[in-house]
Amino acid sequence: MYDDNEFSAATNQENHVDAGDQTVDTTIAHARAVIDANRTCVVRNFPTDPDTYLTFLRGFGTPLANYSSRSDLAKEDPHPQINRVKYKPKGEYVKHSVHYVGGELRPHSARSWCTPRPAFFAMLMVDPGWRDTPPGERGESVVLHWRYLFEQLAARDGDVFAEHFARLTGTPIKFEANNVREELSDLPLCYPLPDSSGAYDIGVRLKQDLPDKLRDQPGEIPDFDKYIQSVDYLVANAGDEKFQACFPLDRGDLLLLDNNRFAHGRRKIIGQRTVNDARAVNPRELWSVTVA
């Protein structure tokens, strides 16, 4: 178990489980012990097989239908409960998804808009893609521990943080997904947890483009201008690399996160380049699943 103040890429990976030569049940048991202690777990040498992946995740809850199955996006996933995250060149899709492009994905929560709140989010790296590109352009995974962030901001910003935090924890809001239609939550952006261990051990449901979403509904949120300032404060600090753990996932690496307490994202990738006078597309492929 690691202390919140020591949360980092190194500690996140050192507390890993090795699935090699283990049964799925044994891997579940080992991963459960790490999750119970740290709320996040890296599993290495996991089979890149849809059925095995879902069997493992059922040890932690119910895998939900993937994004494309409930949207107008192209249905190209390996299973109705697995979302394939893969770069697509322009012209190969009609409906746009942030997962199709090479830009970074800022820290966000899985299914931030919906109720009930999903308990876990999982990512399994199937193909890490090009690793000969510069650091920060390899699609490195980003993990943000909300409690750690809030503790750092409280110590640094004092009353300024307290004012923003009160607003974010005390104002119920609703917002929709871009492509998915599900029952919407009306919780505050930062909400209490039944098993909280402290004032800053709370859930957060941050959408990657939330500021843009909220700016379209000024009449629905009390003290709107100040609330937007608080959201901008949260988003800016969540995007600060000094508060994040960042590391690459290799083939067969599975990352399981407490979806209330952690945000996930990635650094940008180089999606395509010219090889032997022909266009080459980055083969990076990750399978994500949201677990209730």
C-alpha atoms as a PDB file:
ATOM      1  CA  MET A   1       0.000   0.000   0.000  1.00  0.00           C
ATOM      2  CA  TYR A   2       1.279   3.484  -0.804  1.00  0.00           C
ATOM      3  CA  ASP A   3       0.558   6.790   0.908  1.00  0.00           C
ATOM      4  CA  ASP A   4      -1.438   9.408  -1.002  1.00  0.00           C
ATOM      5  CA  ASN A   5       1.511  11.790  -0.852  1.00  0.00           C
ATOM      6  CA  GLU A   6       3.684   9.241  -2.647  1.00  0.00           C
ATOM      7  CA  PHE A   7       1.312   8.670  -5.545  1.00  0.00           C
ATOM      8  CA  SER A   8       3.392   8.550  -8.739  1.00  0.00           C
ATOM      9  CA  ALA A   9       3.986   6.603 -11.926  1.00  0.00           C
ATOM     10  CA  ALA A  10       6.567   4.480 -10.108  1.00  0.00           C
ATOM     11  CA  THR A  11       4.337   3.514  -7.179  1.00  0.00           C
ATOM     12  CA  ASN A  12       1.415   2.876  -9.514  1.00  0.00           C
ATOM     13  CA  GLN A  13       3.479   0.346 -11.459  1.00  0.00           C
ATOM     14  CA  GLU A  14       5.479  -1.175  -8.609  1.00  0.00           C
ATOM     15  CA  ASN A  15       2.265  -2.445  -6.996  1.00  0.00           C
ATOM     16  CA  HIS A  16       1.446  -4.556 -10.042  1.00  0.00           C
ATOM     17  CA  VAL A  17       0.037  -8.063 -10.451  1.00  0.00           C
ATOM     18  CA  ASP A  18       1.558 -10.541 -12.915  1.00  0.00           C
ATOM     19  CA  ALA A  19      -1.075 -12.580 -14.758  1.00  0.00           C
ATOM     20  CA  GLY A  20       1.484 -14.795 -16.495  1.00  0.00           C
ATOM     21  CA  ASP A  21       0.840 -18.526 -15.852  1.00  0.00           C
ATOM     22  CA  GLN A  22      -1.981 -17.610 -13.416  1.00  0.00           C
ATOM     23  CA  THR A  23      -5.618 -18.594 -13.652  1.00  0.00           C
ATOM     24  CA  VAL A  24      -8.096 -15.763 -14.103  1.00  0.00           C
ATOM     25  CA  ASP A  25      -9.497 -16.431 -10.623  1.00  0.00           C
ATOM     26  CA  THR A  26      -6.031 -16.143  -9.080  1.00  0.00           C
ATOM     27  CA  THR A  27      -5.353 -12.934 -10.999  1.00  0.00           C
ATOM     28  CA  ILE A  28      -8.673 -11.518  -9.777  1.00  0.00           C
ATOM     29  CA  ALA A  29      -7.820 -12.358  -6.173  1.00  0.00           C
ATOM     30  CA  HIS A  30      -4.388 -10.728  -6.381  1.00  0.00           C
ATOM     31  CA  ALA A  31      -5.743  -7.660  -8.177  1.00  0.00           C
ATOM     32  CA  ARG A  32      -8.565  -7.331  -5.646  1.00  0.00           C
ATOM     33  CA  ALA A  33      -6.037  -7.114  -2.810  1.00  0.00           C
ATOM     34  CA  VAL A  34      -4.176  -4.311  -4.586  1.00  0.00           C
ATOM     35  CA  ILE A  35      -7.403  -2.478  -5.492  1.00  0.00           C
ATOM     36  CA  ASP A  36      -8.626  -2.676  -1.900  1.00  0.00           C
ATOM     37  CA  ALA A  37      -5.371  -1.114  -0.712  1.00  0.00           C
ATOM     38  CA  ASN A  38      -4.649   1.432  -3.449  1.00  0.00           C
ATOM     39  CA  ARG A  39      -7.878   1.874  -5.483  1.00  0.00           C
ATOM     40  CA  THR A  40      -5.874   1.232  -8.661  1.00  0.00           C
ATOM     41  CA  CYS A  41      -3.981  -1.764 -10.038  1.00  0.00           C
ATOM     42  CA  VAL A  42      -1.724  -2.598 -12.973  1.00  0.00           C
ATOM     43  CA  VAL A  43      -1.898  -6.207 -14.201  1.00  0.00           C
ATOM     44  CA  ARG A  44       0.919  -7.328 -16.505  1.00  0.00           C
ATOM     45  CA  ASN A  45       1.107 -10.136 -19.078  1.00  0.00           C
ATOM     46  CA  PHE A  46      -2.676 -10.280 -19.406  1.00  0.00           C
ATOM     47  CA  PRO A  47      -4.079 -12.147 -22.451  1.00  0.00           C
ATOM     48  CA  THR A  48      -5.372  -9.823 -25.159  1.00  0.00           C
ATOM     49  CA  ASP A  49      -8.533 -11.899 -25.518  1.00  0.00           C
ATOM     50  CA  PRO A  50     -11.996 -10.281 -25.171  1.00  0.00           C
ATOM     51  CA  ASP A  51     -13.611 -13.132 -23.234  1.00  0.00           C
ATOM     52  CA  THR A  52     -10.734 -13.454 -20.755  1.00  0.00           C
ATOM     53  CA  TYR A  53     -10.695  -9.698 -20.252  1.00  0.00           C
ATOM     54  CA  LEU A  54     -14.427  -9.595 -19.481  1.00  0.00           C
ATOM     55  CA  THR A  55     -14.211 -12.642 -17.203  1.00  0.00           C
ATOM     56  CA  PHE A  56     -11.562 -10.821 -15.188  1.00  0.00           C
ATOM     57  CA  LEU A  57     -13.646  -7.633 -14.968  1.00  0.00           C
ATOM     58  CA  ARG A  58     -16.722  -9.543 -13.802  1.00  0.00           C
ATOM     59  CA  GLY A  59     -14.700 -10.204 -10.654  1.00  0.00           C
ATOM     60  CA  PHE A  60     -15.161  -6.502  -9.884  1.00  0.00           C
ATOM     61  CA  GLY A  61     -18.693  -5.800 -11.123  1.00  0.00           C
ATOM     62  CA  THR A  62     -20.784  -5.728 -14.288  1.00  0.00           C
ATOM     63  CA  PRO A  63     -19.109  -4.606 -17.538  1.00  0.00           C
ATOM     64  CA  LEU A  64     -21.342  -2.042 -19.239  1.00  0.00           C
ATOM     65  CA  ALA A  65     -22.255  -1.820 -22.912  1.00  0.00           C
ATOM     66  CA  ASN A  66     -19.548   0.093 -24.740  1.00  0.00           C
ATOM     67  CA  TYR A  67     -19.885   3.622 -26.077  1.00  0.00           C
ATOM     68  CA  SER A  68     -20.415   2.790 -29.736  1.00  0.00           C
ATOM     69  CA  SER A  69     -23.192   0.285 -29.040  1.00  0.00           C
ATOM     70  CA  ARG A  70     -25.243   3.124 -27.540  1.00  0.00           C
ATOM     71  CA  SER A  71     -24.298   5.784 -30.068  1.00  0.00           C
ATOM     72  CA  ASP A  72     -24.135   6.682 -33.727  1.00  0.00           C
ATOM     73  CA  LEU A  73     -20.424   5.847 -33.897  1.00  0.00           C
ATOM     74  CA  ALA A  74     -19.187   3.082 -36.155  1.00  0.00           C
ATOM     75  CA  LYS A  75     -19.539  -0.343 -34.503  1.00  0.00           C
ATOM     76  CA  GLU A  76     -16.058  -1.861 -34.873  1.00  0.00           C
ATOM     77  CA  ASP A  77     -15.399  -3.136 -31.376  1.00  0.00           C
ATOM     78  CA  PRO A  78     -14.202  -6.654 -30.434  1.00  0.00           C
ATOM     79  CA  HIS A  79     -17.216  -7.133 -28.110  1.00  0.00           C
ATOM     80  CA  PRO A  80     -20.365  -5.117 -27.247  1.00  0.00           C
ATOM     81  CA  GLN A  81     -18.860  -4.392 -23.812  1.00  0.00           C
ATOM     82  CA  ILE A  82     -15.393  -3.415 -25.060  1.00  0.00           C
ATOM     83  CA  ASN A  83     -14.566  -0.052 -26.593  1.00  0.00           C
ATOM     84  CA  ARG A  84     -11.726  -0.174 -29.127  1.00  0.00           C
ATOM     85  CA  VAL A  85      -9.583   2.970 -28.827  1.00  0.00           C
ATOM     86  CA  LYS A  86      -7.638   3.404 -32.033  1.00  0.00           C
ATOM     87  CA  TYR A  87      -6.469   6.280 -34.213  1.00  0.00           C
ATOM     88  CA  LYS A  88      -8.457   6.830 -37.402  1.00  0.00           C
ATOM     89  CA  PRO A  89      -7.341   9.113 -40.248  1.00  0.00           C
ATOM     90  CA  LYS A  90      -9.764  11.791 -41.337  1.00  0.00           C
ATOM     91  CA  GLY A  91     -12.144  10.482 -43.966  1.00  0.00           C
ATOM     92  CA  GLU A  92     -12.508   7.081 -42.305  1.00  0.00           C
ATOM     93  CA  TYR A  93     -15.340   8.129 -39.988  1.00  0.00           C
ATOM     94  CA  VAL A  94     -18.497  10.194 -40.202  1.00  0.00           C
ATOM     95  CA  LYS A  95     -19.317  10.691 -36.515  1.00  0.00           C
ATOM     96  CA  HIS A  96     -16.382  12.144 -34.590  1.00  0.00           C
ATOM     97  CA  SER A  97     -14.948  10.716 -31.360  1.00  0.00           C
ATOM     98  CA  VAL A  98     -12.024  12.053 -29.309  1.00  0.00           C
ATOM     99  CA  HIS A  99     -10.609   8.523 -29.434  1.00  0.00           C
ATOM    100  CA  TYR A 100     -10.178   8.700 -33.214  1.00  0.00           C
ATOM    101  CA  VAL A 101      -7.656  11.543 -33.180  1.00  0.00           C
ATOM    102  CA  GLY A 102      -4.047  11.876 -32.089  1.00  0.00           C
ATOM    103  CA  GLY A 103      -4.397  14.740 -29.624  1.00  0.00           C
ATOM    104  CA  GLU A 104      -3.969  14.295 -25.896  1.00  0.00           C
ATOM    105  CA  LEU A 105      -6.908  13.215 -23.752  1.00  0.00           C
ATOM    106  CA  ARG A 106      -7.039  15.400 -20.665  1.00  0.00           C
ATOM    107  CA  PRO A 107      -7.860  13.686 -17.344  1.00  0.00           C
ATOM    108  CA  HIS A 108     -11.521  12.735 -17.191  1.00  0.00           C
ATOM    109  CA  SER A 109     -13.897  10.215 -15.606  1.00  0.00           C
ATOM    110  CA  ALA A 110     -15.558   7.322 -17.398  1.00  0.00           C
ATOM    111  CA  ARG A 111     -19.209   8.026 -18.213  1.00  0.00           C
ATOM    112  CA  SER A 112     -19.072  11.269 -16.261  1.00  0.00           C
ATOM    113  CA  TRP A 113     -22.630  12.189 -17.223  1.00  0.00           C
ATOM    114  CA  CYS A 114     -24.511   9.042 -16.201  1.00  0.00           C
ATOM    115  CA  THR A 115     -26.169   7.576 -13.148  1.00  0.00           C
ATOM    116  CA  PRO A 116     -25.525   5.407 -11.259  1.00  0.00           C
ATOM    117  CA  ARG A 117     -21.834   6.182 -11.164  1.00  0.00           C
ATOM    118  CA  PRO A 118     -19.726   3.315 -12.566  1.00  0.00           C
ATOM    119  CA  ALA A 119     -17.379   1.839  -9.994  1.00  0.00           C
ATOM    120  CA  PHE A 120     -14.346   1.025 -12.169  1.00  0.00           C
ATOM    121  CA  PHE A 121     -12.688   1.821 -15.467  1.00  0.00           C
ATOM    122  CA  ALA A 122     -10.313  -0.613 -17.177  1.00  0.00           C
ATOM    123  CA  MET A 123      -7.822  -0.337 -20.038  1.00  0.00           C
ATOM    124  CA  LEU A 124      -6.037  -3.240 -21.722  1.00  0.00           C
ATOM    125  CA  MET A 125      -3.216  -2.424 -24.116  1.00  0.00           C
ATOM    126  CA  VAL A 126      -3.444  -4.641 -27.199  1.00  0.00           C
ATOM    127  CA  ASP A 127      -0.834  -2.844 -29.319  1.00  0.00           C
ATOM    128  CA  PRO A 128       1.246   0.024 -27.856  1.00  0.00           C
ATOM    129  CA  GLY A 129       1.902   1.426 -31.335  1.00  0.00           C
ATOM    130  CA  TRP A 130       4.965   3.407 -32.288  1.00  0.00           C
ATOM    131  CA  ARG A 131       7.510   3.791 -29.499  1.00  0.00           C
ATOM    132  CA  ASP A 132      10.192   5.524 -31.583  1.00  0.00           C
ATOM    133  CA  THR A 133       8.367   8.861 -31.421  1.00  0.00           C
ATOM    134  CA  PRO A 134       9.396  11.551 -28.877  1.00  0.00           C
ATOM    135  CA  PRO A 135       8.359  11.159 -25.223  1.00  0.00           C
ATOM    136  CA  GLY A 136       4.965  12.731 -24.678  1.00  0.00           C
ATOM    137  CA  GLU A 137       3.879  11.677 -28.167  1.00  0.00           C
ATOM    138  CA  ARG A 138       3.578   7.930 -27.538  1.00  0.00           C
ATOM    139  CA  GLY A 139       0.093   7.857 -26.018  1.00  0.00           C
ATOM    140  CA  GLU A 140       1.475   7.413 -22.498  1.00  0.00           C
ATOM    141  CA  SER A 141      -1.287   6.788 -19.964  1.00  0.00           C
ATOM    142  CA  VAL A 142      -2.124   9.533 -17.478  1.00  0.00           C
ATOM    143  CA  VAL A 143      -3.667   8.850 -14.062  1.00  0.00           C
ATOM    144  CA  LEU A 144      -4.880  11.523 -11.648  1.00  0.00           C
ATOM    145  CA  HIS A 145      -5.766  10.795  -8.015  1.00  0.00           C
ATOM    146  CA  TRP A 146      -8.406  13.317  -6.981  1.00  0.00           C
ATOM    147  CA  ARG A 147      -7.681  13.153  -3.268  1.00  0.00           C
ATOM    148  CA  TYR A 148      -4.003  13.794  -3.890  1.00  0.00           C
ATOM    149  CA  LEU A 149      -4.826  16.752  -6.152  1.00  0.00           C
ATOM    150  CA  PHE A 150      -7.208  18.335  -3.639  1.00  0.00           C
ATOM    151  CA  GLU A 151      -4.749  17.944  -0.775  1.00  0.00           C
ATOM    152  CA  GLN A 152      -2.055  19.689  -2.810  1.00  0.00           C
ATOM    153  CA  LEU A 153      -4.369  22.519  -3.873  1.00  0.00           C
ATOM    154  CA  ALA A 154      -5.690  23.041  -0.336  1.00  0.00           C
ATOM    155  CA  ALA A 155      -2.141  23.406   0.973  1.00  0.00           C
ATOM    156  CA  ARG A 156      -1.096  25.696  -1.886  1.00  0.00           C
ATOM    157  CA  ASP A 157      -4.155  27.911  -2.410  1.00  0.00           C
ATOM    158  CA  GLY A 158      -5.870  28.001   0.983  1.00  0.00           C
ATOM    159  CA  ASP A 159      -9.092  30.047   0.957  1.00  0.00           C
ATOM    160  CA  VAL A 160      -9.138  30.285  -2.841  1.00  0.00           C
ATOM    161  CA  PHE A 161      -9.249  26.512  -3.089  1.00  0.00           C
ATOM    162  CA  ALA A 162     -11.828  26.286  -0.301  1.00  0.00           C
ATOM    163  CA  GLU A 163     -14.181  28.623  -2.181  1.00  0.00           C
ATOM    164  CA  HIS A 164     -13.893  26.645  -5.419  1.00  0.00           C
ATOM    165  CA  PHE A 165     -14.197  23.331  -3.608  1.00  0.00           C
ATOM    166  CA  ALA A 166     -17.383  24.434  -1.806  1.00  0.00           C
ATOM    167  CA  ARG A 167     -18.939  25.458  -5.108  1.00  0.00           C
ATOM    168  CA  LEU A 168     -17.989  22.227  -6.889  1.00  0.00           C
ATOM    169  CA  THR A 169     -19.260  20.027  -4.057  1.00  0.00           C
ATOM    170  CA  GLY A 170     -22.441  22.005  -3.401  1.00  0.00           C
ATOM    171  CA  THR A 171     -23.929  22.611  -6.866  1.00  0.00           C
ATOM    172  CA  PRO A 172     -25.881  19.784  -8.563  1.00  0.00           C
ATOM    173  CA  ILE A 173     -25.477  19.794 -12.360  1.00  0.00           C
ATOM    174  CA  LYS A 174     -26.540  17.788 -15.414  1.00  0.00           C
ATOM    175  CA  PHE A 175     -24.735  17.440 -18.728  1.00  0.00           C
ATOM    176  CA  GLU A 176     -24.941  15.085 -21.688  1.00  0.00           C
ATOM    177  CA  ALA A 177     -22.454  12.966 -23.587  1.00  0.00           C
ATOM    178  CA  ASN A 178     -21.538  13.876 -27.157  1.00  0.00           C
ATOM    179  CA  ASN A 179     -22.567  10.603 -28.802  1.00  0.00           C
ATOM    180  CA  VAL A 180     -24.184   8.450 -26.089  1.00  0.00           C
ATOM    181  CA  ARG A 181     -27.682   8.652 -24.631  1.00  0.00           C
ATOM    182  CA  GLU A 182     -27.973   7.362 -21.047  1.00  0.00           C
ATOM    183  CA  GLU A 183     -29.770   8.365 -17.857  1.00  0.00           C
ATOM    184  CA  LEU A 184     -28.161  11.564 -16.592  1.00  0.00           C
ATOM    185  CA  SER A 185     -26.758  12.170 -13.122  1.00  0.00           C
ATOM    186  CA  ASP A 186     -27.645  15.316 -11.197  1.00  0.00           C
ATOM    187  CA  LEU A 187     -24.876  14.953  -8.620  1.00  0.00           C
ATOM    188  CA  PRO A 188     -22.454  17.817  -7.991  1.00  0.00           C
ATOM    189  CA  LEU A 189     -19.289  17.616 -10.043  1.00  0.00           C
ATOM    190  CA  CYS A 190     -17.514  16.576  -6.828  1.00  0.00           C
ATOM    191  CA  TYR A 191     -19.716  14.283  -4.758  1.00  0.00           C
ATOM    192  CA  PRO A 192     -19.539  12.378  -1.433  1.00  0.00           C
ATOM    193  CA  LEU A 193     -18.636   8.679  -1.244  1.00  0.00           C
ATOM    194  CA  PRO A 194     -20.170   6.258   1.289  1.00  0.00           C
ATOM    195  CA  ASP A 195     -16.753   4.863   2.213  1.00  0.00           C
ATOM    196  CA  SER A 196     -14.867   8.171   2.283  1.00  0.00           C
ATOM    197  CA  SER A 197     -11.764   8.283   4.458  1.00  0.00           C
ATOM    198  CA  GLY A 198     -11.458  12.054   4.653  1.00  0.00           C
ATOM    199  CA  ALA A 199     -12.682  15.479   3.554  1.00  0.00           C
ATOM    200  CA  TYR A 200     -10.954  15.242   0.183  1.00  0.00           C
ATOM    201  CA  ASP A 201     -11.663  11.568  -0.479  1.00  0.00           C
ATOM    202  CA  ILE A 202     -14.595  12.257  -2.771  1.00  0.00           C
ATOM    203  CA  GLY A 203     -15.841  11.259  -6.202  1.00  0.00           C
ATOM    204  CA  VAL A 204     -15.394  13.450  -9.256  1.00  0.00           C
ATOM    205  CA  ARG A 205     -17.238  13.136 -12.581  1.00  0.00           C
ATOM    206  CA  LEU A 206     -15.213  15.275 -14.951  1.00  0.00           C
ATOM    207  CA  LYS A 207     -15.965  15.286 -18.671  1.00  0.00           C
ATOM    208  CA  GLN A 208     -13.083  16.178 -20.934  1.00  0.00           C
ATOM    209  CA  ASP A 209     -14.969  19.040 -22.629  1.00  0.00           C
ATOM    210  CA  LEU A 210     -17.091  19.971 -19.612  1.00  0.00           C
ATOM    211  CA  PRO A 211     -16.409  23.742 -19.667  1.00  0.00           C
ATOM    212  CA  ASP A 212     -17.766  23.936 -23.226  1.00  0.00           C
ATOM    213  CA  LYS A 213     -20.793  21.836 -22.277  1.00  0.00           C
ATOM    214  CA  LEU A 214     -21.650  24.013 -19.286  1.00  0.00           C
ATOM    215  CA  ARG A 215     -21.267  27.320 -21.117  1.00  0.00           C
ATOM    216  CA  ASP A 216     -24.364  26.382 -23.109  1.00  0.00           C
ATOM    217  CA  GLN A 217     -26.588  26.342 -19.989  1.00  0.00           C
ATOM    218  CA  PRO A 218     -26.096  29.627 -18.079  1.00  0.00           C
ATOM    219  CA  GLY A 219     -29.695  29.708 -16.863  1.00  0.00           C
ATOM    220  CA  GLU A 220     -29.531  26.273 -15.265  1.00  0.00           C
ATOM    221  CA  ILE A 221     -26.649  26.754 -12.808  1.00  0.00           C
ATOM    222  CA  PRO A 222     -26.814  29.161  -9.825  1.00  0.00           C
ATOM    223  CA  ASP A 223     -24.139  31.874  -9.706  1.00  0.00           C
ATOM    224  CA  PHE A 224     -23.112  30.726 -13.169  1.00  0.00           C
ATOM    225  CA  ASP A 225     -20.059  32.922 -13.798  1.00  0.00           C
ATOM    226  CA  LYS A 226     -18.408  32.000 -10.511  1.00  0.00           C
ATOM    227  CA  TYR A 227     -19.263  28.340 -11.018  1.00  0.00           C
ATOM    228  CA  ILE A 228     -17.543  28.350 -14.414  1.00  0.00           C
ATOM    229  CA  GLN A 229     -14.489  29.913 -12.758  1.00  0.00           C
ATOM    230  CA  SER A 230     -14.439  27.006 -10.317  1.00  0.00           C
ATOM    231  CA  VAL A 231     -14.738  24.452 -13.123  1.00  0.00           C
ATOM    232  CA  ASP A 232     -11.927  26.169 -15.034  1.00  0.00           C
ATOM    233  CA  TYR A 233      -9.801  26.071 -11.865  1.00  0.00           C
ATOM    234  CA  LEU A 234     -10.397  22.325 -11.498  1.00  0.00           C
ATOM    235  CA  VAL A 235      -9.742  21.561 -15.168  1.00  0.00           C
ATOM    236  CA  ALA A 236      -6.558  23.639 -15.295  1.00  0.00           C
ATOM    237  CA  ASN A 237      -5.064  21.990 -12.223  1.00  0.00           C
ATOM    238  CA  ALA A 238      -6.155  18.489 -13.267  1.00  0.00           C
ATOM    239  CA  GLY A 239      -4.246  19.133 -16.494  1.00  0.00           C
ATOM    240  CA  ASP A 240      -1.055  20.147 -14.684  1.00  0.00           C
ATOM    241  CA  GLU A 241       1.497  17.385 -15.234  1.00  0.00           C
ATOM    242  CA  LYS A 242       3.037  17.787 -11.785  1.00  0.00           C
ATOM    243  CA  PHE A 243      -0.128  16.336 -10.226  1.00  0.00           C
ATOM    244  CA  GLN A 244      -0.333  13.381 -12.635  1.00  0.00           C
ATOM    245  CA  ALA A 245       1.224   9.943 -12.865  1.00  0.00           C
ATOM    246  CA  CYS A 246       2.278   9.234 -16.455  1.00  0.00           C
ATOM    247  CA  PHE A 247       3.633   5.968 -17.864  1.00  0.00           C
ATOM    248  CA  PRO A 248       3.425   3.872 -21.049  1.00  0.00           C
ATOM    249  CA  LEU A 249       1.389   0.674 -21.153  1.00  0.00           C
ATOM    250  CA  ASP A 250       2.968  -2.284 -22.933  1.00  0.00           C
ATOM    251  CA  ARG A 251       1.117  -5.061 -24.736  1.00  0.00           C
ATOM    252  CA  GLY A 252      -0.779  -7.105 -22.152  1.00  0.00           C
ATOM    253  CA  ASP A 253      -0.766  -4.346 -19.511  1.00  0.00           C
ATOM    254  CA  LEU A 254      -4.183  -3.921 -17.899  1.00  0.00           C
ATOM    255  CA  LEU A 255      -4.909  -0.815 -15.812  1.00  0.00           C
ATOM    256  CA  LEU A 256      -7.913  -0.945 -13.461  1.00  0.00           C
ATOM    257  CA  LEU A 257      -9.014   2.264 -11.695  1.00  0.00           C
ATOM    258  CA  ASP A 258     -11.563   3.269  -9.093  1.00  0.00           C
ATOM    259  CA  ASN A 259     -13.681   5.474 -11.365  1.00  0.00           C
ATOM    260  CA  ASN A 260     -14.851   7.702  -8.518  1.00  0.00           C
ATOM    261  CA  ARG A 261     -11.408   8.464  -7.126  1.00  0.00           C
ATOM    262  CA  PHE A 262      -9.230   8.509 -10.248  1.00  0.00           C
ATOM    263  CA  ALA A 263      -9.280  10.240 -13.604  1.00  0.00           C
ATOM    264  CA  HIS A 264      -7.583   8.823 -16.689  1.00  0.00           C
ATOM    265  CA  GLY A 265      -6.188  10.299 -19.881  1.00  0.00           C
ATOM    266  CA  ARG A 266      -3.245  10.017 -22.249  1.00  0.00           C
ATOM    267  CA  ARG A 267      -0.519  12.024 -23.899  1.00  0.00           C
ATOM    268  CA  LYS A 268      -0.902  12.687 -27.608  1.00  0.00           C
ATOM    269  CA  ILE A 269       0.161  10.248 -30.321  1.00  0.00           C
ATOM    270  CA  ILE A 270       1.545  10.666 -33.807  1.00  0.00           C
ATOM    271  CA  GLY A 271      -1.269   9.133 -35.828  1.00  0.00           C
ATOM    272  CA  GLN A 272       0.358   8.767 -39.223  1.00  0.00           C
ATOM    273  CA  ARG A 273       3.621   9.267 -41.078  1.00  0.00           C
ATOM    274  CA  THR A 274       5.224   8.463 -44.405  1.00  0.00           C
ATOM    275  CA  VAL A 275       7.121   5.175 -44.742  1.00  0.00           C
ATOM    276  CA  ASN A 276       8.625   4.205 -48.127  1.00  0.00           C
ATOM    277  CA  ASP A 277       6.592   6.944 -49.806  1.00  0.00           C
ATOM    278  CA  ALA A 278       3.335   5.527 -48.431  1.00  0.00           C
ATOM    279  CA  ARG A 279       1.121   6.565 -45.539  1.00  0.00           C
ATOM    280  CA  ALA A 280       1.552   4.464 -42.403  1.00  0.00           C
ATOM    281  CA  VAL A 281      -1.052   4.606 -39.624  1.00  0.00           C
ATOM    282  CA  ASN A 282      -0.111   4.138 -35.982  1.00  0.00           C
ATOM    283  CA  PRO A 283      -1.375   0.666 -34.955  1.00  0.00           C
ATOM    284  CA  ARG A 284      -1.842   1.638 -31.299  1.00  0.00           C
ATOM    285  CA  GLU A 285      -4.928  -0.139 -29.942  1.00  0.00           C
ATOM    286  CA  LEU A 286      -6.375  -0.146 -26.448  1.00  0.00           C
ATOM    287  CA  TRP A 287      -9.546  -1.839 -25.168  1.00  0.00           C
ATOM    288  CA  SER A 288     -11.455   0.080 -22.511  1.00  0.00           C
ATOM    289  CA  VAL A 289     -14.379  -1.122 -20.408  1.00  0.00           C
ATOM    290  CA  THR A 290     -16.546   0.667 -17.842  1.00  0.00           C
ATOM    291  CA  VAL A 291     -17.623  -1.504 -14.913  1.00  0.00           C
ATOM    292  CA  ALA A 292     -20.673  -0.884 -12.685  1.00  0.00           C
END
